[in-house]
N, C-alpha and C. Protein backbone atom coordinates (compact mmCIF):
# COMPACT_ATOMS: atom_id res chain seq x y z
N UNK A 1 0.85 -1.16 0.00
CA UNK A 1 0.00 0.00 0.00
C UNK A 1 0.90 1.24 0.00
N UNK A 2 0.64 2.21 -0.89
CA UNK A 2 1.49 3.39 -0.93
C UNK A 2 1.32 4.24 0.32
N UNK A 3 2.34 5.03 0.67
CA UNK A 3 2.23 5.88 1.86
C UNK A 3 1.18 6.97 1.65
N UNK A 4 0.64 7.46 2.76
CA UNK A 4 -0.34 8.55 2.69
C UNK A 4 0.32 9.79 2.13
N UNK A 5 -0.40 10.56 1.29
CA UNK A 5 0.17 11.80 0.78
C UNK A 5 0.52 12.76 1.93
N UNK A 6 1.59 13.53 1.74
CA UNK A 6 2.03 14.47 2.77
C UNK A 6 0.93 15.46 3.11
N UNK A 7 0.17 15.89 2.10
CA UNK A 7 -0.90 16.86 2.33
C UNK A 7 -1.98 16.25 3.24
N UNK A 8 -2.27 14.98 3.06
CA UNK A 8 -3.29 14.32 3.88
C UNK A 8 -2.89 14.27 5.35
N UNK A 9 -1.59 14.40 5.63
CA UNK A 9 -1.10 14.34 7.00
C UNK A 9 -1.08 15.71 7.69
N UNK A 10 -1.42 16.76 6.93
CA UNK A 10 -1.48 18.10 7.52
C UNK A 10 -2.63 18.17 8.53
N UNK A 11 -2.51 19.06 9.52
CA UNK A 11 -3.66 19.28 10.41
C UNK A 11 -4.88 19.74 9.59
N UNK A 12 -6.04 19.38 10.04
CA UNK A 12 -7.27 19.65 9.28
C UNK A 12 -7.41 21.13 8.93
N UNK A 13 -7.15 22.01 9.86
CA UNK A 13 -7.31 23.45 9.60
C UNK A 13 -6.35 23.92 8.51
N UNK A 14 -5.12 23.42 8.52
CA UNK A 14 -4.13 23.81 7.50
C UNK A 14 -4.53 23.23 6.15
N UNK A 15 -4.96 21.97 6.13
CA UNK A 15 -5.38 21.33 4.89
C UNK A 15 -6.60 22.03 4.30
N UNK A 16 -7.55 22.43 5.16
CA UNK A 16 -8.74 23.15 4.69
C UNK A 16 -8.34 24.49 4.08
N UNK A 17 -7.41 25.19 4.73
CA UNK A 17 -6.94 26.47 4.19
C UNK A 17 -6.21 26.25 2.87
N UNK A 18 -5.42 25.20 2.77
CA UNK A 18 -4.74 24.87 1.52
C UNK A 18 -5.76 24.62 0.42
N UNK A 19 -6.77 23.82 0.72
CA UNK A 19 -7.80 23.53 -0.28
C UNK A 19 -8.50 24.80 -0.74
N UNK A 20 -8.80 25.69 0.21
CA UNK A 20 -9.44 26.97 -0.14
C UNK A 20 -8.54 27.79 -1.05
N UNK A 21 -7.25 27.82 -0.73
CA UNK A 21 -6.31 28.57 -1.56
C UNK A 21 -6.16 27.94 -2.95
N UNK A 22 -6.17 26.62 -3.01
CA UNK A 22 -6.09 25.94 -4.31
C UNK A 22 -7.28 26.34 -5.19
N UNK A 23 -8.46 26.31 -4.63
CA UNK A 23 -9.67 26.67 -5.39
C UNK A 23 -9.60 28.13 -5.79
N UNK A 24 -9.24 29.01 -4.86
CA UNK A 24 -9.16 30.45 -5.15
C UNK A 24 -8.12 30.75 -6.23
N UNK A 25 -7.02 29.97 -6.26
CA UNK A 25 -5.95 30.18 -7.26
C UNK A 25 -6.24 29.44 -8.56
N UNK A 26 -7.40 28.84 -8.69
CA UNK A 26 -7.70 28.10 -9.92
C UNK A 26 -6.83 26.88 -10.09
N UNK A 27 -6.46 26.26 -8.96
CA UNK A 27 -5.64 25.05 -8.95
C UNK A 27 -4.29 25.28 -9.62
N UNK A 28 -3.69 26.40 -9.27
CA UNK A 28 -2.37 26.73 -9.79
C UNK A 28 -1.52 27.39 -8.72
N UNK A 29 -0.37 27.93 -9.14
CA UNK A 29 0.57 28.65 -8.28
C UNK A 29 1.06 27.77 -7.12
N UNK A 30 1.51 26.57 -7.47
CA UNK A 30 1.96 25.62 -6.46
C UNK A 30 3.23 26.07 -5.75
N UNK A 31 4.07 26.86 -6.43
CA UNK A 31 5.29 27.35 -5.79
C UNK A 31 4.94 28.25 -4.61
N UNK A 32 3.97 29.15 -4.81
CA UNK A 32 3.55 30.04 -3.73
C UNK A 32 2.92 29.25 -2.59
N UNK A 33 2.14 28.23 -2.92
CA UNK A 33 1.51 27.42 -1.88
C UNK A 33 2.56 26.63 -1.09
N UNK A 34 3.56 26.13 -1.80
CA UNK A 34 4.63 25.40 -1.12
C UNK A 34 5.38 26.34 -0.17
N UNK A 35 5.62 27.59 -0.64
CA UNK A 35 6.30 28.57 0.21
C UNK A 35 5.44 28.93 1.42
N UNK A 36 4.15 29.09 1.22
CA UNK A 36 3.23 29.40 2.33
C UNK A 36 3.27 28.29 3.37
N UNK A 37 3.23 27.04 2.91
CA UNK A 37 3.29 25.92 3.85
C UNK A 37 4.64 25.86 4.57
N UNK A 38 5.73 26.16 3.84
CA UNK A 38 7.06 26.16 4.46
C UNK A 38 7.13 27.21 5.57
N UNK A 39 6.52 28.38 5.31
CA UNK A 39 6.49 29.44 6.33
C UNK A 39 5.71 28.98 7.56
N UNK A 40 4.74 28.11 7.35
CA UNK A 40 3.94 27.60 8.46
C UNK A 40 4.59 26.38 9.12
N UNK A 41 5.75 25.95 8.58
CA UNK A 41 6.47 24.84 9.19
C UNK A 41 6.20 23.49 8.56
N UNK A 42 5.63 23.46 7.37
CA UNK A 42 5.33 22.18 6.69
C UNK A 42 6.05 22.16 5.35
N UNK A 43 6.99 21.25 5.20
CA UNK A 43 7.76 21.13 3.96
C UNK A 43 7.05 20.14 3.03
N UNK A 44 6.39 20.69 2.04
CA UNK A 44 5.70 19.85 1.05
C UNK A 44 6.10 20.37 -0.33
N UNK A 45 6.55 19.47 -1.18
CA UNK A 45 7.04 19.87 -2.50
C UNK A 45 5.91 20.35 -3.41
N UNK A 46 6.33 21.09 -4.45
CA UNK A 46 5.35 21.57 -5.44
C UNK A 46 4.68 20.40 -6.15
N UNK A 47 5.46 19.35 -6.43
CA UNK A 47 4.88 18.21 -7.15
C UNK A 47 3.86 17.47 -6.27
N UNK A 48 4.13 17.36 -4.98
CA UNK A 48 3.16 16.73 -4.07
C UNK A 48 1.88 17.58 -4.01
N UNK A 49 2.07 18.90 -3.95
CA UNK A 49 0.90 19.79 -3.96
C UNK A 49 0.14 19.68 -5.28
N UNK A 50 0.88 19.54 -6.36
CA UNK A 50 0.24 19.43 -7.67
C UNK A 50 -0.60 18.15 -7.75
N UNK A 51 -0.07 17.05 -7.25
CA UNK A 51 -0.84 15.79 -7.24
C UNK A 51 -2.11 15.96 -6.40
N UNK A 52 -1.96 16.59 -5.24
CA UNK A 52 -3.12 16.84 -4.37
C UNK A 52 -4.12 17.76 -5.08
N UNK A 53 -3.59 18.80 -5.71
CA UNK A 53 -4.45 19.77 -6.41
C UNK A 53 -5.20 19.12 -7.55
N UNK A 54 -4.54 18.23 -8.30
CA UNK A 54 -5.22 17.53 -9.39
C UNK A 54 -6.40 16.71 -8.87
N UNK A 55 -6.14 16.00 -7.78
CA UNK A 55 -7.20 15.16 -7.19
C UNK A 55 -8.35 16.04 -6.69
N UNK A 56 -8.01 17.13 -6.01
CA UNK A 56 -9.03 18.04 -5.49
C UNK A 56 -9.81 18.68 -6.64
N UNK A 57 -9.11 19.04 -7.71
CA UNK A 57 -9.78 19.65 -8.86
C UNK A 57 -10.79 18.70 -9.48
N UNK A 58 -10.43 17.43 -9.58
CA UNK A 58 -11.36 16.43 -10.12
C UNK A 58 -12.58 16.30 -9.22
N UNK A 59 -12.36 16.26 -7.91
CA UNK A 59 -13.47 16.17 -6.97
C UNK A 59 -14.35 17.42 -7.04
N UNK A 60 -13.70 18.58 -7.15
CA UNK A 60 -14.42 19.85 -7.24
C UNK A 60 -15.25 19.89 -8.52
N UNK A 61 -14.65 19.48 -9.63
CA UNK A 61 -15.39 19.46 -10.91
C UNK A 61 -16.57 18.51 -10.81
N UNK A 62 -16.39 17.36 -10.19
CA UNK A 62 -17.50 16.42 -10.01
C UNK A 62 -18.61 17.00 -9.16
N UNK A 63 -18.23 17.68 -8.08
CA UNK A 63 -19.24 18.30 -7.21
C UNK A 63 -20.00 19.40 -7.95
N UNK A 64 -19.28 20.18 -8.75
CA UNK A 64 -19.93 21.24 -9.51
C UNK A 64 -20.86 20.64 -10.57
N UNK A 65 -20.45 19.55 -11.19
CA UNK A 65 -21.30 18.88 -12.17
C UNK A 65 -22.56 18.35 -11.50
N UNK A 66 -22.40 17.80 -10.30
CA UNK A 66 -23.57 17.32 -9.55
C UNK A 66 -24.52 18.47 -9.24
N UNK A 67 -23.97 19.62 -8.88
CA UNK A 67 -24.81 20.79 -8.58
C UNK A 67 -25.55 21.25 -9.84
N UNK A 68 -24.86 21.25 -10.98
CA UNK A 68 -25.51 21.63 -12.24
C UNK A 68 -26.62 20.64 -12.60
N UNK A 69 -26.35 19.36 -12.40
CA UNK A 69 -27.38 18.35 -12.70
C UNK A 69 -28.59 18.53 -11.79
N UNK A 70 -28.36 18.82 -10.53
CA UNK A 70 -29.48 19.05 -9.61
C UNK A 70 -30.29 20.26 -10.05
N UNK A 71 -29.62 21.31 -10.50
CA UNK A 71 -30.33 22.49 -10.99
C UNK A 71 -31.13 22.15 -12.25
N UNK A 72 -30.54 21.36 -13.16
CA UNK A 72 -31.26 20.93 -14.36
C UNK A 72 -32.49 20.12 -14.00
N UNK A 73 -32.33 19.23 -13.05
CA UNK A 73 -33.44 18.41 -12.60
C UNK A 73 -34.55 19.29 -12.03
N UNK A 74 -34.18 20.29 -11.24
CA UNK A 74 -35.16 21.22 -10.69
C UNK A 74 -35.90 21.97 -11.78
N UNK A 75 -35.15 22.42 -12.81
CA UNK A 75 -35.80 23.11 -13.94
C UNK A 75 -36.72 22.16 -14.70
N UNK A 76 -36.29 20.92 -14.85
CA UNK A 76 -37.12 19.94 -15.57
C UNK A 76 -38.42 19.70 -14.81
N UNK A 77 -38.36 19.69 -13.50
CA UNK A 77 -39.55 19.44 -12.70
C UNK A 77 -40.49 20.65 -12.66
N UNK A 78 -39.93 21.84 -12.81
CA UNK A 78 -40.72 23.07 -12.64
C UNK A 78 -41.90 23.15 -13.60
N UNK A 79 -41.69 22.87 -14.87
CA UNK A 79 -42.78 23.01 -15.83
C UNK A 79 -43.14 21.71 -16.50
N UNK A 80 -42.94 20.62 -15.82
CA UNK A 80 -43.09 19.30 -16.42
C UNK A 80 -44.45 18.71 -16.06
N UNK A 81 -45.40 18.86 -16.97
CA UNK A 81 -46.74 18.35 -16.70
C UNK A 81 -46.87 16.86 -16.98
N UNK A 82 -46.17 16.38 -18.01
CA UNK A 82 -46.35 14.98 -18.39
C UNK A 82 -45.19 14.08 -17.98
N UNK A 83 -44.19 14.62 -17.30
CA UNK A 83 -43.08 13.81 -16.82
C UNK A 83 -41.95 13.63 -17.83
N UNK A 84 -42.12 14.14 -19.05
CA UNK A 84 -41.09 13.96 -20.08
C UNK A 84 -39.79 14.63 -19.69
N UNK A 85 -39.87 15.85 -19.20
CA UNK A 85 -38.65 16.57 -18.81
C UNK A 85 -37.91 15.87 -17.69
N UNK A 86 -38.66 15.37 -16.73
CA UNK A 86 -38.04 14.64 -15.62
C UNK A 86 -37.36 13.37 -16.12
N UNK A 87 -38.04 12.64 -17.00
CA UNK A 87 -37.44 11.41 -17.53
C UNK A 87 -36.17 11.72 -18.31
N UNK A 88 -36.19 12.78 -19.12
CA UNK A 88 -35.00 13.13 -19.90
C UNK A 88 -33.86 13.54 -18.97
N UNK A 89 -34.16 14.35 -17.97
CA UNK A 89 -33.11 14.79 -17.04
C UNK A 89 -32.56 13.60 -16.26
N UNK A 90 -33.43 12.71 -15.83
CA UNK A 90 -33.00 11.54 -15.08
C UNK A 90 -32.17 10.60 -15.97
N UNK A 91 -32.59 10.44 -17.21
CA UNK A 91 -31.84 9.61 -18.15
C UNK A 91 -30.46 10.18 -18.39
N UNK A 92 -30.38 11.49 -18.59
CA UNK A 92 -29.07 12.12 -18.81
C UNK A 92 -28.18 11.94 -17.59
N UNK A 93 -28.74 12.07 -16.41
CA UNK A 93 -27.99 11.89 -15.17
C UNK A 93 -27.49 10.45 -15.06
N UNK A 94 -28.35 9.50 -15.37
CA UNK A 94 -27.96 8.08 -15.30
C UNK A 94 -26.87 7.77 -16.33
N UNK A 95 -27.00 8.32 -17.54
CA UNK A 95 -25.99 8.08 -18.56
C UNK A 95 -24.64 8.64 -18.14
N UNK A 96 -24.65 9.83 -17.59
CA UNK A 96 -23.40 10.43 -17.13
C UNK A 96 -22.78 9.61 -16.01
N UNK A 97 -23.60 9.13 -15.11
CA UNK A 97 -23.09 8.30 -14.01
C UNK A 97 -22.49 7.01 -14.54
N UNK A 98 -23.15 6.39 -15.49
CA UNK A 98 -22.62 5.16 -16.07
C UNK A 98 -21.31 5.41 -16.81
N UNK A 99 -21.20 6.54 -17.47
CA UNK A 99 -19.94 6.87 -18.14
C UNK A 99 -18.82 7.08 -17.11
N UNK A 100 -19.16 7.66 -15.96
CA UNK A 100 -18.16 7.81 -14.90
C UNK A 100 -17.76 6.43 -14.36
N UNK A 101 -18.70 5.50 -14.30
CA UNK A 101 -18.38 4.14 -13.86
C UNK A 101 -17.41 3.51 -14.86
N UNK A 102 -17.67 3.70 -16.14
CA UNK A 102 -16.76 3.17 -17.16
C UNK A 102 -15.35 3.77 -17.01
N UNK A 103 -15.29 5.08 -16.78
CA UNK A 103 -13.99 5.73 -16.60
C UNK A 103 -13.31 5.19 -15.33
N UNK A 104 -14.09 4.95 -14.28
CA UNK A 104 -13.54 4.39 -13.05
C UNK A 104 -12.98 2.99 -13.28
N UNK A 105 -13.68 2.20 -14.07
CA UNK A 105 -13.18 0.86 -14.40
C UNK A 105 -11.85 0.96 -15.14
N UNK A 106 -11.78 1.89 -16.08
CA UNK A 106 -10.55 2.08 -16.85
C UNK A 106 -9.41 2.53 -15.92
N UNK A 107 -9.71 3.46 -15.02
CA UNK A 107 -8.69 3.93 -14.09
C UNK A 107 -8.22 2.81 -13.16
N UNK A 108 -9.14 1.98 -12.70
CA UNK A 108 -8.76 0.86 -11.84
C UNK A 108 -7.88 -0.13 -12.60
N UNK A 109 -8.23 -0.37 -13.86
CA UNK A 109 -7.44 -1.26 -14.69
C UNK A 109 -6.03 -0.69 -14.90
N UNK A 110 -5.96 0.61 -15.20
CA UNK A 110 -4.66 1.26 -15.40
C UNK A 110 -3.83 1.24 -14.11
N UNK A 111 -4.49 1.51 -12.97
CA UNK A 111 -3.78 1.52 -11.69
C UNK A 111 -3.24 0.13 -11.37
N UNK A 112 -4.04 -0.88 -11.63
CA UNK A 112 -3.58 -2.25 -11.36
C UNK A 112 -2.38 -2.59 -12.24
N UNK A 113 -2.44 -2.19 -13.51
CA UNK A 113 -1.32 -2.46 -14.41
C UNK A 113 -0.07 -1.69 -13.98
N UNK A 114 -0.27 -0.46 -13.54
CA UNK A 114 0.85 0.38 -13.11
C UNK A 114 1.51 -0.19 -11.84
N UNK A 115 0.69 -0.74 -10.94
CA UNK A 115 1.20 -1.27 -9.68
C UNK A 115 1.66 -2.71 -9.79
N UNK A 116 1.60 -3.27 -11.00
CA UNK A 116 2.05 -4.63 -11.19
C UNK A 116 1.01 -5.67 -10.82
N UNK A 117 -0.19 -5.22 -10.50
CA UNK A 117 -1.26 -6.15 -10.15
C UNK A 117 -1.97 -6.63 -11.40
N UNK A 118 -2.91 -7.49 -11.19
CA UNK A 118 -3.68 -8.02 -12.31
C UNK A 118 -5.14 -7.68 -12.14
N UNK A 119 -5.80 -7.51 -13.25
CA UNK A 119 -7.23 -7.26 -13.25
C UNK A 119 -7.91 -8.58 -13.59
N UNK A 120 -8.93 -8.92 -12.84
CA UNK A 120 -9.69 -10.13 -13.11
C UNK A 120 -10.49 -9.91 -14.38
N UNK A 121 -10.13 -10.56 -15.49
CA UNK A 121 -10.82 -10.31 -16.76
C UNK A 121 -12.30 -10.69 -16.72
N UNK A 122 -12.65 -11.69 -15.95
CA UNK A 122 -14.06 -12.11 -15.85
C UNK A 122 -14.87 -11.03 -15.13
N UNK A 123 -14.34 -10.52 -14.03
CA UNK A 123 -15.03 -9.46 -13.28
C UNK A 123 -15.14 -8.19 -14.13
N UNK A 124 -14.06 -7.86 -14.86
CA UNK A 124 -14.09 -6.68 -15.72
C UNK A 124 -15.12 -6.85 -16.83
N UNK A 125 -15.15 -8.01 -17.46
CA UNK A 125 -16.13 -8.27 -18.52
C UNK A 125 -17.55 -8.20 -17.98
N UNK A 126 -17.77 -8.73 -16.80
CA UNK A 126 -19.10 -8.70 -16.18
C UNK A 126 -19.51 -7.24 -15.91
N UNK A 127 -18.59 -6.46 -15.37
CA UNK A 127 -18.89 -5.05 -15.08
C UNK A 127 -19.18 -4.28 -16.36
N UNK A 128 -18.35 -4.50 -17.38
CA UNK A 128 -18.57 -3.82 -18.66
C UNK A 128 -19.91 -4.22 -19.28
N UNK A 129 -20.25 -5.48 -19.15
CA UNK A 129 -21.51 -5.97 -19.68
C UNK A 129 -22.70 -5.28 -19.00
N UNK A 130 -22.62 -5.19 -17.68
CA UNK A 130 -23.71 -4.53 -16.94
C UNK A 130 -23.84 -3.05 -17.32
N UNK A 131 -22.72 -2.37 -17.44
CA UNK A 131 -22.76 -0.95 -17.78
C UNK A 131 -23.29 -0.75 -19.20
N UNK A 132 -22.79 -1.52 -20.15
CA UNK A 132 -23.25 -1.34 -21.53
C UNK A 132 -24.72 -1.72 -21.68
N UNK A 133 -25.16 -2.74 -20.96
CA UNK A 133 -26.59 -3.10 -20.99
C UNK A 133 -27.43 -1.96 -20.43
N UNK A 134 -26.96 -1.36 -19.36
CA UNK A 134 -27.69 -0.23 -18.76
C UNK A 134 -27.73 0.95 -19.72
N UNK A 135 -26.62 1.22 -20.40
CA UNK A 135 -26.61 2.31 -21.38
C UNK A 135 -27.58 2.03 -22.53
N UNK A 136 -27.64 0.77 -22.96
CA UNK A 136 -28.58 0.41 -24.03
C UNK A 136 -30.02 0.60 -23.57
N UNK A 137 -30.31 0.20 -22.33
CA UNK A 137 -31.66 0.40 -21.79
C UNK A 137 -32.02 1.88 -21.75
N UNK A 138 -31.07 2.70 -21.34
CA UNK A 138 -31.32 4.14 -21.31
C UNK A 138 -31.54 4.69 -22.72
N UNK A 139 -30.81 4.16 -23.68
CA UNK A 139 -31.01 4.57 -25.08
C UNK A 139 -32.42 4.24 -25.56
N UNK A 140 -32.89 3.05 -25.21
CA UNK A 140 -34.26 2.68 -25.59
C UNK A 140 -35.28 3.58 -24.90
N UNK A 141 -35.04 3.95 -23.65
CA UNK A 141 -35.92 4.86 -22.95
C UNK A 141 -35.96 6.21 -23.66
N UNK A 142 -34.79 6.68 -24.11
CA UNK A 142 -34.73 7.95 -24.85
C UNK A 142 -35.53 7.88 -26.14
N UNK A 143 -35.44 6.76 -26.85
CA UNK A 143 -36.22 6.59 -28.08
C UNK A 143 -37.71 6.58 -27.79
N UNK A 144 -38.11 5.92 -26.70
CA UNK A 144 -39.53 5.89 -26.32
C UNK A 144 -40.01 7.30 -25.98
N UNK A 145 -39.19 8.09 -25.29
CA UNK A 145 -39.56 9.46 -24.97
C UNK A 145 -39.72 10.30 -26.23
N UNK A 146 -38.80 10.11 -27.17
CA UNK A 146 -38.88 10.85 -28.44
C UNK A 146 -40.15 10.48 -29.19
N UNK A 147 -40.47 9.18 -29.22
CA UNK A 147 -41.69 8.73 -29.88
C UNK A 147 -42.93 9.32 -29.20
N UNK A 148 -42.93 9.32 -27.88
CA UNK A 148 -44.05 9.88 -27.13
C UNK A 148 -44.21 11.37 -27.42
N UNK A 149 -43.09 12.09 -27.43
CA UNK A 149 -43.14 13.53 -27.71
C UNK A 149 -43.67 13.80 -29.11
N UNK A 150 -43.27 12.97 -30.08
CA UNK A 150 -43.75 13.13 -31.45
C UNK A 150 -45.25 12.87 -31.52
N UNK A 151 -45.72 11.83 -30.85
CA UNK A 151 -47.15 11.53 -30.84
C UNK A 151 -47.95 12.66 -30.19
N UNK A 152 -47.41 13.22 -29.10
CA UNK A 152 -48.09 14.34 -28.43
C UNK A 152 -48.14 15.57 -29.34
N UNK A 153 -47.06 15.82 -30.07
CA UNK A 153 -47.04 16.95 -31.00
C UNK A 153 -48.06 16.75 -32.12
N UNK A 154 -48.18 15.51 -32.61
CA UNK A 154 -49.18 15.23 -33.66
C UNK A 154 -50.59 15.46 -33.14
N UNK A 155 -50.86 15.02 -31.91
CA UNK A 155 -52.17 15.23 -31.32
C UNK A 155 -52.47 16.72 -31.15
N UNK A 156 -51.47 17.48 -30.72
CA UNK A 156 -51.66 18.92 -30.55
C UNK A 156 -51.91 19.60 -31.89
N UNK A 157 -51.19 19.19 -32.93
CA UNK A 157 -51.41 19.76 -34.26
C UNK A 157 -52.77 19.38 -34.80
N UNK A 158 -53.20 18.15 -34.54
CA UNK A 158 -54.52 17.72 -35.00
C UNK A 158 -55.61 18.54 -34.32
N UNK A 159 -55.45 18.81 -33.03
CA UNK A 159 -56.43 19.63 -32.31
C UNK A 159 -56.42 21.05 -32.84
N UNK A 160 -55.22 21.59 -33.11
CA UNK A 160 -55.13 22.94 -33.68
C UNK A 160 -55.73 22.98 -35.07
N UNK A 161 -55.53 21.93 -35.85
CA UNK A 161 -56.10 21.84 -37.19
C UNK A 161 -57.62 21.81 -37.14
N UNK A 162 -58.17 21.03 -36.22
CA UNK A 162 -59.62 20.96 -36.06
C UNK A 162 -60.19 22.32 -35.66
N UNK A 163 -59.53 22.98 -34.72
CA UNK A 163 -60.01 24.30 -34.26
C UNK A 163 -59.93 25.32 -35.39
N UNK A 164 -58.84 25.30 -36.15
CA UNK A 164 -58.70 26.23 -37.26
C UNK A 164 -59.73 25.95 -38.35
N UNK A 165 -59.98 24.67 -38.63
CA UNK A 165 -60.97 24.30 -39.65
C UNK A 165 -62.37 24.74 -39.22
N UNK A 166 -62.68 24.56 -37.96
CA UNK A 166 -63.99 24.97 -37.46
C UNK A 166 -64.18 26.48 -37.58
N UNK A 167 -63.16 27.22 -37.20
CA UNK A 167 -63.22 28.68 -37.31
C UNK A 167 -63.32 29.10 -38.77
N UNK A 168 -62.52 28.48 -39.63
CA UNK A 168 -62.54 28.82 -41.06
C UNK A 168 -63.89 28.51 -41.68
N UNK A 169 -64.47 27.37 -41.29
CA UNK A 169 -65.80 26.99 -41.80
C UNK A 169 -66.83 28.04 -41.39
N UNK A 170 -66.73 28.52 -40.14
CA UNK A 170 -67.64 29.54 -39.64
C UNK A 170 -67.46 30.87 -40.35
N UNK A 171 -66.30 31.10 -40.90
CA UNK A 171 -66.03 32.34 -41.63
C UNK A 171 -66.32 32.19 -43.13
N UNK A 172 -66.79 31.02 -43.54
CA UNK A 172 -67.19 30.81 -44.92
C UNK A 172 -66.10 30.33 -45.85
N UNK A 173 -65.01 29.82 -45.33
CA UNK A 173 -63.93 29.31 -46.17
C UNK A 173 -64.42 28.04 -46.87
N UNK A 174 -64.05 27.86 -48.11
CA UNK A 174 -64.48 26.71 -48.90
C UNK A 174 -63.86 25.42 -48.36
N UNK A 175 -64.40 24.31 -48.79
CA UNK A 175 -63.88 23.00 -48.38
C UNK A 175 -62.43 22.84 -48.83
N UNK A 176 -62.11 23.34 -50.04
CA UNK A 176 -60.73 23.27 -50.53
C UNK A 176 -59.81 24.13 -49.66
N UNK A 177 -60.28 25.30 -49.25
CA UNK A 177 -59.49 26.19 -48.40
C UNK A 177 -59.24 25.55 -47.03
N UNK A 178 -60.29 24.91 -46.50
CA UNK A 178 -60.14 24.24 -45.20
C UNK A 178 -59.15 23.09 -45.31
N UNK A 179 -59.22 22.32 -46.42
CA UNK A 179 -58.28 21.21 -46.63
C UNK A 179 -56.85 21.74 -46.73
N UNK A 180 -56.65 22.87 -47.40
CA UNK A 180 -55.32 23.45 -47.54
C UNK A 180 -54.81 23.94 -46.17
N UNK A 181 -55.73 24.53 -45.40
CA UNK A 181 -55.38 24.99 -44.06
C UNK A 181 -54.94 23.82 -43.18
N UNK A 182 -55.72 22.73 -43.21
CA UNK A 182 -55.37 21.54 -42.44
C UNK A 182 -54.00 20.97 -42.87
N UNK A 183 -53.78 20.93 -44.17
CA UNK A 183 -52.50 20.40 -44.69
C UNK A 183 -51.33 21.27 -44.23
N UNK A 184 -51.52 22.57 -44.21
CA UNK A 184 -50.45 23.47 -43.79
C UNK A 184 -50.15 23.28 -42.29
N UNK A 185 -51.19 23.13 -41.49
CA UNK A 185 -50.98 22.95 -40.05
C UNK A 185 -50.32 21.60 -39.78
N UNK A 186 -50.81 20.55 -40.38
CA UNK A 186 -50.26 19.21 -40.13
C UNK A 186 -48.87 19.04 -40.72
N UNK A 187 -48.56 19.85 -41.74
CA UNK A 187 -47.22 19.80 -42.34
C UNK A 187 -46.17 20.43 -41.46
N UNK A 188 -46.59 21.12 -40.38
CA UNK A 188 -45.66 21.77 -39.47
C UNK A 188 -44.86 20.75 -38.66
N UNK A 189 -45.33 19.52 -38.60
CA UNK A 189 -44.64 18.50 -37.80
C UNK A 189 -43.50 17.90 -38.55
């Protein structure tokens, strides 16, 4: 097992301040951070800080992505009468999560190879199979949502066509004019 990172061994208050400074500096300026820590009595190299900063940046980006997804989900729920927006937002969230699982599998495989370990090919194949099957299921759900949305749009256009035809008939439009009006409305789909 590799040793704990030097940054992880810092007192919590110092590590929290370091993390705050990393975020405020846009995950850069490691020389200044190393000097700041040295002034506080902690000798940590720029490269060790960079490794810590990379990991923190990935976690920060993931947390921000989760916050954006939650906001999207909230917007989808706000005006979603038939549940389509919620299903689409949930499907997108599930797809993104499954893609992160795939990336995690790849990282675990790379880490095992780097550390001289072996990856169980049967377990990896099983995991990949489950993830790809889940992605396929989500794809089918997306197709069903698209089909449903198209059917709803056709129904709405048919209702608009009927209303327009009724109004046109009341205004004395000929049967040919009404047929042309209906064709124009239904052709909008």
